[in-house]
Amino acid sequence: MAALGISGLPLLVVQHPLGGERPEAVARRALQAVEQLASLIGRVA
């Protein structure tokens, strides 16, 4: 992101596509996203 003038911007990554995935797979990806978000919040706070 430094190329856009925003160095060090924390990013949360969610793998796609979600359409057509089983509910268990979507839940697993959602949990991973929540864990990433918690980690990012901890770094910024």
PDB file of N, CA and C in Angstrom:
ATOM      1  N   MET A   1       0.801  -1.197   0.000  1.00  0.00           N
ATOM      2  CA  MET A   1       0.000   0.000   0.000  1.00  0.00           C
ATOM      3  C   MET A   1       0.848   1.267   0.000  1.00  0.00           C
ATOM      4  N   ALA A   2       2.150   1.112   0.200  1.00  0.00           N
ATOM      5  CA  ALA A   2       3.009   2.284   0.200  1.00  0.00           C
ATOM      6  C   ALA A   2       2.938   3.005  -1.138  1.00  0.00           C
ATOM      7  N   ALA A   3       2.682   2.258  -2.197  1.00  0.00           N
ATOM      8  CA  ALA A   3       2.589   2.871  -3.514  1.00  0.00           C
ATOM      9  C   ALA A   3       1.406   3.837  -3.596  1.00  0.00           C
ATOM     10  N   LEU A   4       0.414   3.626  -2.752  1.00  0.00           N
ATOM     11  CA  LEU A   4      -0.753   4.511  -2.728  1.00  0.00           C
ATOM     12  C   LEU A   4      -0.603   5.613  -1.684  1.00  0.00           C
ATOM     13  N   GLY A   5       0.574   5.690  -1.060  1.00  0.00           N
ATOM     14  CA  GLY A   5       0.811   6.726  -0.070  1.00  0.00           C
ATOM     15  C   GLY A   5       0.297   6.371   1.317  1.00  0.00           C
ATOM     16  N   ILE A   6       0.011   5.095   1.530  1.00  0.00           N
ATOM     17  CA  ILE A   6      -0.520   4.663   2.824  1.00  0.00           C
ATOM     18  C   ILE A   6       0.355   3.524   3.345  1.00  0.00           C
ATOM     19  N   SER A   7       1.552   3.847   3.799  1.00  0.00           N
ATOM     20  CA  SER A   7       2.427   2.792   4.285  1.00  0.00           C
ATOM     21  C   SER A   7       1.973   2.330   5.662  1.00  0.00           C
ATOM     22  N   GLY A   8       2.077   1.047   5.897  1.00  0.00           N
ATOM     23  CA  GLY A   8       1.724   0.487   7.187  1.00  0.00           C
ATOM     24  C   GLY A   8       0.237   0.319   7.429  1.00  0.00           C
ATOM     25  N   LEU A   9      -0.576   0.468   6.407  1.00  0.00           N
ATOM     26  CA  LEU A   9      -2.024   0.312   6.565  1.00  0.00           C
ATOM     27  C   LEU A   9      -2.352  -1.152   6.860  1.00  0.00           C
ATOM     28  N   PRO A  10      -3.007  -1.438   7.990  1.00  0.00           N
ATOM     29  CA  PRO A  10      -3.357  -2.825   8.292  1.00  0.00           C
ATOM     30  C   PRO A  10      -4.492  -3.293   7.375  1.00  0.00           C
ATOM     31  N   LEU A  11      -4.358  -4.507   6.867  1.00  0.00           N
ATOM     32  CA  LEU A  11      -5.363  -5.057   5.963  1.00  0.00           C
ATOM     33  C   LEU A  11      -5.912  -6.355   6.524  1.00  0.00           C
ATOM     34  N   LEU A  12      -7.187  -6.562   6.360  1.00  0.00           N
ATOM     35  CA  LEU A  12      -7.840  -7.807   6.710  1.00  0.00           C
ATOM     36  C   LEU A  12      -8.138  -8.524   5.404  1.00  0.00           C
ATOM     37  N   VAL A  13      -7.757  -9.788   5.313  1.00  0.00           N
ATOM     38  CA  VAL A  13      -7.913 -10.544   4.080  1.00  0.00           C
ATOM     39  C   VAL A  13      -8.947 -11.646   4.286  1.00  0.00           C
ATOM     40  N   VAL A  14      -9.947 -11.674   3.414  1.00  0.00           N
ATOM     41  CA  VAL A  14     -10.960 -12.734   3.423  1.00  0.00           C
ATOM     42  C   VAL A  14     -10.868 -13.430   2.075  1.00  0.00           C
ATOM     43  N   GLN A  15     -10.624 -14.739   2.112  1.00  0.00           N
ATOM     44  CA  GLN A  15     -10.516 -15.491   0.863  1.00  0.00           C
ATOM     45  C   GLN A  15     -11.870 -15.542   0.165  1.00  0.00           C
ATOM     46  N   HIS A  16     -11.837 -15.429  -1.138  1.00  0.00           N
ATOM     47  CA  HIS A  16     -13.049 -15.482  -1.949  1.00  0.00           C
ATOM     48  C   HIS A  16     -12.882 -16.565  -2.989  1.00  0.00           C
ATOM     49  N   PRO A  17     -13.904 -17.050  -3.569  1.00  0.00           N
ATOM     50  CA  PRO A  17     -15.307 -16.694  -3.408  1.00  0.00           C
ATOM     51  C   PRO A  17     -15.932 -17.423  -2.227  1.00  0.00           C
ATOM     52  N   LEU A  18     -17.003 -16.858  -1.710  1.00  0.00           N
ATOM     53  CA  LEU A  18     -17.764 -17.506  -0.646  1.00  0.00           C
ATOM     54  C   LEU A  18     -19.015 -18.189  -1.195  1.00  0.00           C
ATOM     55  N   GLY A  19     -19.484 -17.713  -2.331  1.00  0.00           N
ATOM     56  CA  GLY A  19     -20.677 -18.307  -2.938  1.00  0.00           C
ATOM     57  C   GLY A  19     -20.436 -19.758  -3.300  1.00  0.00           C
ATOM     58  N   GLY A  20     -21.363 -20.604  -2.965  1.00  0.00           N
ATOM     59  CA  GLY A  20     -21.256 -22.015  -3.289  1.00  0.00           C
ATOM     60  C   GLY A  20     -20.484 -22.822  -2.250  1.00  0.00           C
ATOM     61  N   GLU A  21     -19.919 -22.152  -1.251  1.00  0.00           N
ATOM     62  CA  GLU A  21     -19.191 -22.863  -0.199  1.00  0.00           C
ATOM     63  C   GLU A  21     -20.171 -23.440   0.810  1.00  0.00           C
ATOM     64  N   ARG A  22     -19.765 -24.526   1.440  1.00  0.00           N
ATOM     65  CA  ARG A  22     -20.583 -25.109   2.507  1.00  0.00           C
ATOM     66  C   ARG A  22     -20.580 -24.163   3.704  1.00  0.00           C
ATOM     67  N   PRO A  23     -21.652 -24.190   4.486  1.00  0.00           N
ATOM     68  CA  PRO A  23     -21.722 -23.308   5.662  1.00  0.00           C
ATOM     69  C   PRO A  23     -20.514 -23.450   6.591  1.00  0.00           C
ATOM     70  N   GLU A  24     -19.984 -24.657   6.725  1.00  0.00           N
ATOM     71  CA  GLU A  24     -18.832 -24.869   7.597  1.00  0.00           C
ATOM     72  C   GLU A  24     -17.605 -24.120   7.081  1.00  0.00           C
ATOM     73  N   ALA A  25     -17.433 -24.114   5.769  1.00  0.00           N
ATOM     74  CA  ALA A  25     -16.292 -23.416   5.172  1.00  0.00           C
ATOM     75  C   ALA A  25     -16.440 -21.907   5.335  1.00  0.00           C
ATOM     76  N   VAL A  26     -17.653 -21.403   5.170  1.00  0.00           N
ATOM     77  CA  VAL A  26     -17.900 -19.966   5.351  1.00  0.00           C
ATOM     78  C   VAL A  26     -17.659 -19.589   6.811  1.00  0.00           C
ATOM     79  N   ALA A  27     -18.130 -20.426   7.728  1.00  0.00           N
ATOM     80  CA  ALA A  27     -17.920 -20.158   9.155  1.00  0.00           C
ATOM     81  C   ALA A  27     -16.433 -20.153   9.489  1.00  0.00           C
ATOM     82  N   ARG A  28     -15.673 -21.061   8.911  1.00  0.00           N
ATOM     83  CA  ARG A  28     -14.224 -21.116   9.150  1.00  0.00           C
ATOM     84  C   ARG A  28     -13.545 -19.837   8.642  1.00  0.00           C
ATOM     85  N   ARG A  29     -13.941 -19.391   7.463  1.00  0.00           N
ATOM     86  CA  ARG A  29     -13.359 -18.155   6.924  1.00  0.00           C
ATOM     87  C   ARG A  29     -13.757 -16.949   7.763  1.00  0.00           C
ATOM     88  N   ALA A  30     -14.998 -16.939   8.247  1.00  0.00           N
ATOM     89  CA  ALA A  30     -15.450 -15.837   9.093  1.00  0.00           C
ATOM     90  C   ALA A  30     -14.650 -15.806  10.388  1.00  0.00           C
ATOM     91  N   LEU A  31     -14.407 -16.968  10.978  1.00  0.00           N
ATOM     92  CA  LEU A  31     -13.615 -17.037  12.202  1.00  0.00           C
ATOM     93  C   LEU A  31     -12.201 -16.537  11.953  1.00  0.00           C
ATOM     94  N   GLN A  32     -11.622 -16.925  10.837  1.00  0.00           N
ATOM     95  CA  GLN A  32     -10.278 -16.444  10.491  1.00  0.00           C
ATOM     96  C   GLN A  32     -10.273 -14.924  10.354  1.00  0.00           C
ATOM     97  N   ALA A  33     -11.308 -14.369   9.751  1.00  0.00           N
ATOM     98  CA  ALA A  33     -11.396 -12.915   9.586  1.00  0.00           C
ATOM     99  C   ALA A  33     -11.511 -12.219  10.937  1.00  0.00           C
ATOM    100  N   VAL A  34     -12.308 -12.788  11.830  1.00  0.00           N
ATOM    101  CA  VAL A  34     -12.462 -12.201  13.169  1.00  0.00           C
ATOM    102  C   VAL A  34     -11.132 -12.252  13.916  1.00  0.00           C
ATOM    103  N   GLU A  35     -10.412 -13.355  13.789  1.00  0.00           N
ATOM    104  CA  GLU A  35      -9.112 -13.474  14.448  1.00  0.00           C
ATOM    105  C   GLU A  35      -8.124 -12.441  13.892  1.00  0.00           C
ATOM    106  N   GLN A  36      -8.136 -12.264  12.571  1.00  0.00           N
ATOM    107  CA  GLN A  36      -7.273 -11.244  11.956  1.00  0.00           C
ATOM    108  C   GLN A  36      -7.640  -9.855  12.463  1.00  0.00           C
ATOM    109  N   LEU A  37      -8.932  -9.569  12.518  1.00  0.00           N
ATOM    110  CA  LEU A  37      -9.397  -8.271  12.966  1.00  0.00           C
ATOM    111  C   LEU A  37      -8.962  -8.006  14.411  1.00  0.00           C
ATOM    112  N   ALA A  38      -9.119  -8.993  15.266  1.00  0.00           N
ATOM    113  CA  ALA A  38      -8.696  -8.842  16.672  1.00  0.00           C
ATOM    114  C   ALA A  38      -7.205  -8.551  16.741  1.00  0.00           C
ATOM    115  N   SER A  39      -6.423  -9.222  15.930  1.00  0.00           N
ATOM    116  CA  SER A  39      -4.987  -9.000  15.909  1.00  0.00           C
ATOM    117  C   SER A  39      -4.654  -7.586  15.429  1.00  0.00           C
ATOM    118  N   LEU A  40      -5.343  -7.146  14.384  1.00  0.00           N
ATOM    119  CA  LEU A  40      -5.101  -5.807  13.845  1.00  0.00           C
ATOM    120  C   LEU A  40      -5.501  -4.727  14.832  1.00  0.00           C
ATOM    121  N   ILE A  41      -6.618  -4.928  15.516  1.00  0.00           N
ATOM    122  CA  ILE A  41      -7.069  -3.951  16.508  1.00  0.00           C
ATOM    123  C   ILE A  41      -6.058  -3.863  17.636  1.00  0.00           C
ATOM    124  N   GLY A  42      -5.527  -5.006  18.034  1.00  0.00           N
ATOM    125  CA  GLY A  42      -4.539  -5.023  19.093  1.00  0.00           C
ATOM    126  C   GLY A  42      -3.281  -4.263  18.733  1.00  0.00           C
ATOM    127  N   ARG A  43      -2.905  -4.281  17.459  1.00  0.00           N
ATOM    128  CA  ARG A  43      -1.703  -3.562  17.012  1.00  0.00           C
ATOM    129  C   ARG A  43      -1.924  -2.072  16.940  1.00  0.00           C
ATOM    130  N   VAL A  44      -3.131  -1.653  16.587  1.00  0.00           N
ATOM    131  CA  VAL A  44      -3.427  -0.240  16.378  1.00  0.00           C
ATOM    132  C   VAL A  44      -3.728   0.455  17.699  1.00  0.00           C
ATOM    133  N   ALA A  45      -4.367  -0.255  18.609  1.00  0.00           N
ATOM    134  CA  ALA A  45      -4.819   0.345  19.874  1.00  0.00           C
ATOM    135  C   ALA A  45      -3.670   0.678  20.803  1.00  0.00           C
TER     136      ALA A  45
END
